[in-house]
PDB file of all heavy atoms in Angstrom:
ATOM      1  N   GLN A   1       1.753  33.528 -10.438  1.00  0.00           N
ATOM      2  CA  GLN A   1       2.799  33.030  -9.546  1.00  0.00           C
ATOM      3  C   GLN A   1       3.190  31.598  -9.915  1.00  0.00           C
ATOM      4  O   GLN A   1       4.369  31.244  -9.936  1.00  0.00           O
ATOM      5  CB  GLN A   1       2.317  33.067  -8.093  1.00  0.00           C
ATOM      6  CG  GLN A   1       2.135  34.440  -7.484  1.00  0.00           C
ATOM      7  CD  GLN A   1       1.790  34.356  -6.010  1.00  0.00           C
ATOM      8  OE1 GLN A   1       2.433  33.636  -5.249  1.00  0.00           O
ATOM      9  NE2 GLN A   1       0.755  35.090  -5.593  1.00  0.00           N
ATOM     10  N   GLU A   2       2.193  30.773 -10.215  1.00  0.00           N
ATOM     11  CA  GLU A   2       2.466  29.368 -10.517  1.00  0.00           C
ATOM     12  C   GLU A   2       3.322  29.227 -11.779  1.00  0.00           C
ATOM     13  O   GLU A   2       4.255  28.417 -11.817  1.00  0.00           O
ATOM     14  CB  GLU A   2       1.161  28.604 -10.684  1.00  0.00           C
ATOM     15  CG  GLU A   2       1.388  27.122 -10.945  1.00  0.00           C
ATOM     16  CD  GLU A   2       0.125  26.398 -11.360  1.00  0.00           C
ATOM     17  OE1 GLU A   2      -0.908  27.070 -11.609  1.00  0.00           O
ATOM     18  OE2 GLU A   2       0.176  25.154 -11.447  1.00  0.00           O
ATOM     19  N   ARG A   3       3.025  29.993 -12.792  1.00  0.00           N
ATOM     20  CA  ARG A   3       3.799  29.905 -14.033  1.00  0.00           C
ATOM     21  C   ARG A   3       5.251  30.315 -13.793  1.00  0.00           C
ATOM     22  O   ARG A   3       6.175  29.696 -14.330  1.00  0.00           O
ATOM     23  CB  ARG A   3       3.154  30.788 -15.100  1.00  0.00           C
ATOM     24  CG  ARG A   3       1.784  30.311 -15.551  1.00  0.00           C
ATOM     25  CD  ARG A   3       1.075  31.356 -16.389  1.00  0.00           C
ATOM     26  NE  ARG A   3      -0.280  30.920 -16.744  1.00  0.00           N
ATOM     27  CZ  ARG A   3      -1.154  31.701 -17.353  1.00  0.00           C
ATOM     28  NH1 ARG A   3      -0.833  32.961 -17.662  1.00  0.00           N
ATOM     29  NH2 ARG A   3      -2.369  31.232 -17.641  1.00  0.00           N
ATOM     30  N   ARG A   4       5.437  31.332 -12.993  1.00  0.00           N
ATOM     31  CA  ARG A   4       6.805  31.755 -12.673  1.00  0.00           C
ATOM     32  C   ARG A   4       7.519  30.678 -11.859  1.00  0.00           C
ATOM     33  O   ARG A   4       8.712  30.420 -12.063  1.00  0.00           O
ATOM     34  CB  ARG A   4       6.768  33.074 -11.896  1.00  0.00           C
ATOM     35  CG  ARG A   4       6.204  34.254 -12.679  1.00  0.00           C
ATOM     36  CD  ARG A   4       5.876  35.432 -11.764  1.00  0.00           C
ATOM     37  NE  ARG A   4       5.212  36.507 -12.484  1.00  0.00           N
ATOM     38  CZ  ARG A   4       4.597  37.524 -11.896  1.00  0.00           C
ATOM     39  NH1 ARG A   4       4.551  37.592 -10.567  1.00  0.00           N
ATOM     40  NH2 ARG A   4       4.008  38.464 -12.613  1.00  0.00           N
ATOM     41  N   ALA A   5       6.797  30.067 -10.899  1.00  0.00           N
ATOM     42  CA  ALA A   5       7.393  29.005 -10.084  1.00  0.00           C
ATOM     43  C   ALA A   5       7.771  27.804 -10.946  1.00  0.00           C
ATOM     44  O   ALA A   5       8.836  27.191 -10.743  1.00  0.00           O
ATOM     45  CB  ALA A   5       6.414  28.591  -8.981  1.00  0.00           C
ATOM     46  N   TRP A   6       6.927  27.441 -11.903  1.00  0.00           N
ATOM     47  CA  TRP A   6       7.222  26.313 -12.796  1.00  0.00           C
ATOM     48  C   TRP A   6       8.511  26.585 -13.569  1.00  0.00           C
ATOM     49  O   TRP A   6       9.381  25.710 -13.676  1.00  0.00           O
ATOM     50  CB  TRP A   6       6.062  26.092 -13.749  1.00  0.00           C
ATOM     51  CG  TRP A   6       6.209  24.882 -14.634  1.00  0.00           C
ATOM     52  CD1 TRP A   6       5.750  23.634 -14.388  1.00  0.00           C
ATOM     53  CD2 TRP A   6       6.859  24.833 -15.911  1.00  0.00           C
ATOM     54  NE1 TRP A   6       6.073  22.780 -15.421  1.00  0.00           N
ATOM     55  CE2 TRP A   6       6.760  23.501 -16.377  1.00  0.00           C
ATOM     56  CE3 TRP A   6       7.520  25.772 -16.703  1.00  0.00           C
ATOM     57  CZ2 TRP A   6       7.291  23.090 -17.594  1.00  0.00           C
ATOM     58  CZ3 TRP A   6       8.055  25.364 -17.920  1.00  0.00           C
ATOM     59  CH2 TRP A   6       7.938  24.039 -18.353  1.00  0.00           C
ATOM     60  N   ALA A   7       8.610  27.801 -14.120  1.00  0.00           N
ATOM     61  CA  ALA A   7       9.814  28.144 -14.883  1.00  0.00           C
ATOM     62  C   ALA A   7      11.052  28.129 -13.985  1.00  0.00           C
ATOM     63  O   ALA A   7      12.135  27.665 -14.399  1.00  0.00           O
ATOM     64  CB  ALA A   7       9.643  29.522 -15.531  1.00  0.00           C
ATOM     65  N   TRP A   8      10.919  28.594 -12.762  1.00  0.00           N
ATOM     66  CA  TRP A   8      12.062  28.630 -11.833  1.00  0.00           C
ATOM     67  C   TRP A   8      12.519  27.222 -11.476  1.00  0.00           C
ATOM     68  O   TRP A   8      13.720  26.933 -11.498  1.00  0.00           O
ATOM     69  CB  TRP A   8      11.629  29.397 -10.568  1.00  0.00           C
ATOM     70  CG  TRP A   8      12.664  29.462  -9.491  1.00  0.00           C
ATOM     71  CD1 TRP A   8      13.776  30.260  -9.464  1.00  0.00           C
ATOM     72  CD2 TRP A   8      12.670  28.706  -8.273  1.00  0.00           C
ATOM     73  NE1 TRP A   8      14.482  30.061  -8.308  1.00  0.00           N
ATOM     74  CE2 TRP A   8      13.823  29.103  -7.546  1.00  0.00           C
ATOM     75  CE3 TRP A   8      11.827  27.753  -7.721  1.00  0.00           C
ATOM     76  CZ2 TRP A   8      14.148  28.573  -6.301  1.00  0.00           C
ATOM     77  CZ3 TRP A   8      12.131  27.224  -6.489  1.00  0.00           C
ATOM     78  CH2 TRP A   8      13.280  27.623  -5.795  1.00  0.00           C
ATOM     79  N   VAL A   9      11.593  26.332 -11.158  1.00  0.00           N
ATOM     80  CA  VAL A   9      11.969  24.952 -10.833  1.00  0.00           C
ATOM     81  C   VAL A   9      12.563  24.263 -12.056  1.00  0.00           C
ATOM     82  O   VAL A   9      13.521  23.478 -11.950  1.00  0.00           O
ATOM     83  CB  VAL A   9      10.740  24.170 -10.317  1.00  0.00           C
ATOM     84  CG1 VAL A   9      11.082  22.694 -10.119  1.00  0.00           C
ATOM     85  CG2 VAL A   9      10.229  24.766  -9.013  1.00  0.00           C
ATOM     86  N   HIS A  10      12.039  24.567 -13.236  1.00  0.00           N
ATOM     87  CA  HIS A  10      12.473  23.920 -14.475  1.00  0.00           C
ATOM     88  C   HIS A  10      13.887  24.325 -14.867  1.00  0.00           C
ATOM     89  O   HIS A  10      14.584  23.582 -15.586  1.00  0.00           O
ATOM     90  CB  HIS A  10      11.492  24.253 -15.603  1.00  0.00           C
ATOM     91  CG  HIS A  10      11.606  23.383 -16.808  1.00  0.00           C
ATOM     92  ND1 HIS A  10      12.388  23.712 -17.900  1.00  0.00           N
ATOM     93  CD2 HIS A  10      11.055  22.174 -17.083  1.00  0.00           C
ATOM     94  CE1 HIS A  10      12.302  22.756 -18.801  1.00  0.00           C
ATOM     95  NE2 HIS A  10      11.491  21.807 -18.347  1.00  0.00           N
ATOM     96  N   GLU A  11      14.328  25.493 -14.407  1.00  0.00           N
ATOM     97  CA  GLU A  11      15.615  26.036 -14.844  1.00  0.00           C
ATOM     98  C   GLU A  11      16.804  25.300 -14.254  1.00  0.00           C
ATOM     99  O   GLU A  11      17.890  25.280 -14.845  1.00  0.00           O
ATOM    100  CB  GLU A  11      15.715  27.525 -14.466  1.00  0.00           C
ATOM    101  CG  GLU A  11      14.854  28.432 -15.312  1.00  0.00           C
ATOM    102  CD  GLU A  11      14.841  29.854 -14.776  1.00  0.00           C
ATOM    103  OE1 GLU A  11      15.539  30.104 -13.747  1.00  0.00           O
ATOM    104  OE2 GLU A  11      14.145  30.706 -15.339  1.00  0.00           O
ATOM    105  N   ALA A  12      16.679  24.727 -13.061  1.00  0.00           N
ATOM    106  CA  ALA A  12      17.837  24.141 -12.386  1.00  0.00           C
ATOM    107  C   ALA A  12      17.389  22.994 -11.502  1.00  0.00           C
ATOM    108  O   ALA A  12      16.246  22.975 -11.021  1.00  0.00           O
ATOM    109  CB  ALA A  12      18.558  25.208 -11.544  1.00  0.00           C
ATOM    110  N   PRO A  13      18.247  22.020 -11.287  1.00  0.00           N
ATOM    111  CA  PRO A  13      17.889  20.914 -10.399  1.00  0.00           C
ATOM    112  C   PRO A  13      17.896  21.349  -8.935  1.00  0.00           C
ATOM    113  O   PRO A  13      18.392  22.417  -8.582  1.00  0.00           O
ATOM    114  CB  PRO A  13      18.995  19.886 -10.672  1.00  0.00           C
ATOM    115  CG  PRO A  13      20.169  20.717 -11.088  1.00  0.00           C
ATOM    116  CD  PRO A  13      19.593  21.886 -11.856  1.00  0.00           C
ATOM    117  N   ASN A  14      17.344  20.510  -8.102  1.00  0.00           N
ATOM    118  CA  ASN A  14      17.399  20.703  -6.650  1.00  0.00           C
ATOM    119  C   ASN A  14      16.639  21.960  -6.195  1.00  0.00           C
ATOM    120  O   ASN A  14      17.047  22.639  -5.250  1.00  0.00           O
ATOM    121  CB  ASN A  14      18.853  20.770  -6.168  1.00  0.00           C
ATOM    122  CG  ASN A  14      19.043  19.970  -4.890  1.00  0.00           C
ATOM    123  OD1 ASN A  14      18.195  19.177  -4.498  1.00  0.00           O
ATOM    124  ND2 ASN A  14      20.178  20.181  -4.235  1.00  0.00           N
ATOM    125  N   ARG A  15      15.547  22.249  -6.902  1.00  0.00           N
ATOM    126  CA  ARG A  15      14.695  23.364  -6.508  1.00  0.00           C
ATOM    127  C   ARG A  15      13.329  22.828  -6.099  1.00  0.00           C
ATOM    128  O   ARG A  15      12.776  21.934  -6.756  1.00  0.00           O
ATOM    129  CB  ARG A  15      14.546  24.378  -7.642  1.00  0.00           C
ATOM    130  CG  ARG A  15      15.787  25.234  -7.841  1.00  0.00           C
ATOM    131  CD  ARG A  15      15.588  26.271  -8.936  1.00  0.00           C
ATOM    132  NE  ARG A  15      16.704  27.218  -8.968  1.00  0.00           N
ATOM    133  CZ  ARG A  15      16.836  28.200  -9.861  1.00  0.00           C
ATOM    134  NH1 ARG A  15      15.909  28.364 -10.802  1.00  0.00           N
ATOM    135  NH2 ARG A  15      17.874  29.014  -9.807  1.00  0.00           N
ATOM    136  N   PHE A  16      12.776  23.399  -5.032  1.00  0.00           N
ATOM    137  CA  PHE A  16      11.502  22.940  -4.494  1.00  0.00           C
ATOM    138  C   PHE A  16      10.614  24.147  -4.215  1.00  0.00           C
ATOM    139  O   PHE A  16      11.104  25.252  -3.919  1.00  0.00           O
ATOM    140  CB  PHE A  16      11.703  22.135  -3.209  1.00  0.00           C
ATOM    141  CG  PHE A  16      12.455  20.853  -3.399  1.00  0.00           C
ATOM    142  CD1 PHE A  16      13.850  20.835  -3.474  1.00  0.00           C
ATOM    143  CD2 PHE A  16      11.781  19.648  -3.513  1.00  0.00           C
ATOM    144  CE1 PHE A  16      14.543  19.659  -3.647  1.00  0.00           C
ATOM    145  CE2 PHE A  16      12.466  18.460  -3.688  1.00  0.00           C
ATOM    146  CZ  PHE A  16      13.857  18.467  -3.759  1.00  0.00           C
ATOM    147  N   VAL A  17       9.320  23.889  -4.270  1.00  0.00           N
ATOM    148  CA  VAL A  17       8.331  24.930  -3.986  1.00  0.00           C
ATOM    149  C   VAL A  17       7.467  24.471  -2.816  1.00  0.00           C
ATOM    150  O   VAL A  17       6.958  23.343  -2.811  1.00  0.00           O
ATOM    151  CB  VAL A  17       7.454  25.220  -5.219  1.00  0.00           C
ATOM    152  CG1 VAL A  17       6.296  26.140  -4.838  1.00  0.00           C
ATOM    153  CG2 VAL A  17       8.279  25.849  -6.325  1.00  0.00           C
ATOM    154  N   LEU A  18       7.305  25.359  -1.810  1.00  0.00           N
ATOM    155  CA  LEU A  18       6.423  25.108  -0.665  1.00  0.00           C
ATOM    156  C   LEU A  18       5.079  25.763  -0.941  1.00  0.00           C
ATOM    157  O   LEU A  18       5.010  26.969  -1.241  1.00  0.00           O
ATOM    158  CB  LEU A  18       7.041  25.679   0.609  1.00  0.00           C
ATOM    159  CG  LEU A  18       6.207  25.573   1.890  1.00  0.00           C
ATOM    160  CD1 LEU A  18       6.017  24.110   2.291  1.00  0.00           C
ATOM    161  CD2 LEU A  18       6.861  26.356   3.027  1.00  0.00           C
ATOM    162  N   THR A  19       3.996  24.975  -0.838  1.00  0.00           N
ATOM    163  CA  THR A  19       2.666  25.510  -1.157  1.00  0.00           C
ATOM    164  C   THR A  19       1.608  24.716  -0.401  1.00  0.00           C
ATOM    165  O   THR A  19       1.834  23.557  -0.025  1.00  0.00           O
ATOM    166  CB  THR A  19       2.404  25.436  -2.670  1.00  0.00           C
ATOM    167  OG1 THR A  19       1.192  26.118  -2.989  1.00  0.00           O
ATOM    168  CG2 THR A  19       2.305  24.002  -3.150  1.00  0.00           C
ATOM    169  N   PRO A  20       0.423  25.289  -0.162  1.00  0.00           N
ATOM    170  CA  PRO A  20      -0.670  24.524   0.447  1.00  0.00           C
ATOM    171  C   PRO A  20      -1.379  23.674  -0.603  1.00  0.00           C
ATOM    172  O   PRO A  20      -1.403  24.023  -1.794  1.00  0.00           O
ATOM    173  CB  PRO A  20      -1.589  25.603   1.007  1.00  0.00           C
ATOM    174  CG  PRO A  20      -1.369  26.780   0.119  1.00  0.00           C
ATOM    175  CD  PRO A  20       0.078  26.725  -0.290  1.00  0.00           C
ATOM    176  N   THR A  21      -1.984  22.602  -0.169  1.00  0.00           N
ATOM    177  CA  THR A  21      -2.663  21.715  -1.116  1.00  0.00           C
ATOM    178  C   THR A  21      -3.960  22.309  -1.641  1.00  0.00           C
ATOM    179  O   THR A  21      -4.493  21.831  -2.647  1.00  0.00           O
ATOM    180  CB  THR A  21      -2.967  20.360  -0.460  1.00  0.00           C
ATOM    181  OG1 THR A  21      -3.721  20.572   0.747  1.00  0.00           O
ATOM    182  CG2 THR A  21      -1.680  19.620  -0.124  1.00  0.00           C
ATOM    183  N   ASP A  22      -4.514  23.325  -0.979  1.00  0.00           N
ATOM    184  CA  ASP A  22      -5.751  23.912  -1.485  1.00  0.00           C
ATOM    185  C   ASP A  22      -5.513  24.902  -2.610  1.00  0.00           C
ATOM    186  O   ASP A  22      -6.459  25.482  -3.153  1.00  0.00           O
ATOM    187  CB  ASP A  22      -6.553  24.570  -0.360  1.00  0.00           C
ATOM    188  CG  ASP A  22      -5.760  25.649   0.369  1.00  0.00           C
ATOM    189  OD1 ASP A  22      -4.623  25.948  -0.035  1.00  0.00           O
ATOM    190  OD2 ASP A  22      -6.280  26.181   1.366  1.00  0.00           O
ATOM    191  N   ALA A  23      -4.249  25.124  -2.965  1.00  0.00           N
ATOM    192  CA  ALA A  23      -3.952  25.948  -4.133  1.00  0.00           C
ATOM    193  C   ALA A  23      -4.293  25.157  -5.399  1.00  0.00           C
ATOM    194  O   ALA A  23      -3.837  24.029  -5.575  1.00  0.00           O
ATOM    195  CB  ALA A  23      -2.482  26.347  -4.136  1.00  0.00           C
ATOM    196  N   GLU A  24      -5.100  25.728  -6.243  1.00  0.00           N
ATOM    197  CA  GLU A  24      -5.506  25.049  -7.469  1.00  0.00           C
ATOM    198  C   GLU A  24      -4.431  25.258  -8.532  1.00  0.00           C
ATOM    199  O   GLU A  24      -4.347  26.309  -9.166  1.00  0.00           O
ATOM    200  CB  GLU A  24      -6.860  25.579  -7.933  1.00  0.00           C
ATOM    201  CG  GLU A  24      -7.993  25.312  -6.932  1.00  0.00           C
ATOM    202  CD  GLU A  24      -9.339  25.785  -7.435  1.00  0.00           C
ATOM    203  OE1 GLU A  24      -9.398  26.288  -8.587  1.00  0.00           O
ATOM    204  OE2 GLU A  24     -10.318  25.664  -6.696  1.00  0.00           O
ATOM    205  N   LEU A  25      -3.603  24.252  -8.704  1.00  0.00           N
ATOM    206  CA  LEU A  25      -2.429  24.349  -9.574  1.00  0.00           C
ATOM    207  C   LEU A  25      -2.645  23.568 -10.864  1.00  0.00           C
ATOM    208  O   LEU A  25      -3.183  22.462 -10.849  1.00  0.00           O
ATOM    209  CB  LEU A  25      -1.191  23.825  -8.845  1.00  0.00           C
ATOM    210  CG  LEU A  25      -0.862  24.500  -7.501  1.00  0.00           C
ATOM    211  CD1 LEU A  25       0.393  23.879  -6.899  1.00  0.00           C
ATOM    212  CD2 LEU A  25      -0.707  25.999  -7.664  1.00  0.00           C
ATOM    213  N   ALA A  26      -2.188  24.149 -11.958  1.00  0.00           N
ATOM    214  CA  ALA A  26      -2.284  23.499 -13.263  1.00  0.00           C
ATOM    215  C   ALA A  26      -0.931  23.060 -13.789  1.00  0.00           C
ATOM    216  O   ALA A  26      -0.867  22.212 -14.683  1.00  0.00           O
ATOM    217  CB  ALA A  26      -2.948  24.449 -14.263  1.00  0.00           C
ATOM    218  N   CYS A  27       0.149  23.619 -13.255  1.00  0.00           N
ATOM    219  CA  CYS A  27       1.485  23.347 -13.777  1.00  0.00           C
ATOM    220  C   CYS A  27       2.269  22.360 -12.916  1.00  0.00           C
ATOM    221  O   CYS A  27       3.431  22.073 -13.207  1.00  0.00           O
ATOM    222  CB  CYS A  27       2.273  24.643 -13.921  1.00  0.00           C
ATOM    223  SG  CYS A  27       1.541  25.802 -15.095  1.00  0.00           S
ATOM    224  N   PHE A  28       1.673  21.884 -11.837  1.00  0.00           N
ATOM    225  CA  PHE A  28       2.329  20.922 -10.952  1.00  0.00           C
ATOM    226  C   PHE A  28       1.383  19.757 -10.681  1.00  0.00           C
ATOM    227  O   PHE A  28       0.156  19.938 -10.617  1.00  0.00           O
ATOM    228  CB  PHE A  28       2.731  21.567  -9.627  1.00  0.00           C
ATOM    229  CG  PHE A  28       3.825  22.593  -9.737  1.00  0.00           C
ATOM    230  CD1 PHE A  28       3.524  23.921 -10.011  1.00  0.00           C
ATOM    231  CD2 PHE A  28       5.147  22.228  -9.556  1.00  0.00           C
ATOM    232  CE1 PHE A  28       4.525  24.868 -10.099  1.00  0.00           C
ATOM    233  CE2 PHE A  28       6.160  23.169  -9.644  1.00  0.00           C
ATOM    234  CZ  PHE A  28       5.855  24.497  -9.918  1.00  0.00           C
ATOM    235  N   ASP A  29       1.956  18.585 -10.505  1.00  0.00           N
ATOM    236  CA  ASP A  29       1.197  17.399 -10.126  1.00  0.00           C
ATOM    237  C   ASP A  29       1.305  17.233  -8.608  1.00  0.00           C
ATOM    238  O   ASP A  29       2.310  16.755  -8.082  1.00  0.00           O
ATOM    239  CB  ASP A  29       1.751  16.175 -10.843  1.00  0.00           C
ATOM    240  CG  ASP A  29       0.951  14.912 -10.534  1.00  0.00           C
ATOM    241  OD1 ASP A  29      -0.021  15.008  -9.747  1.00  0.00           O
ATOM    242  OD2 ASP A  29       1.310  13.840 -11.051  1.00  0.00           O
TER     243      ASP A  29
END
């Protein structure tokens, strides 16, 4: 899911992802 979300945000400006902080993410800071 995270890799798909990264690609989706990367494709166009003004895109945001809602997620909990306990999700262990490697593609987002």
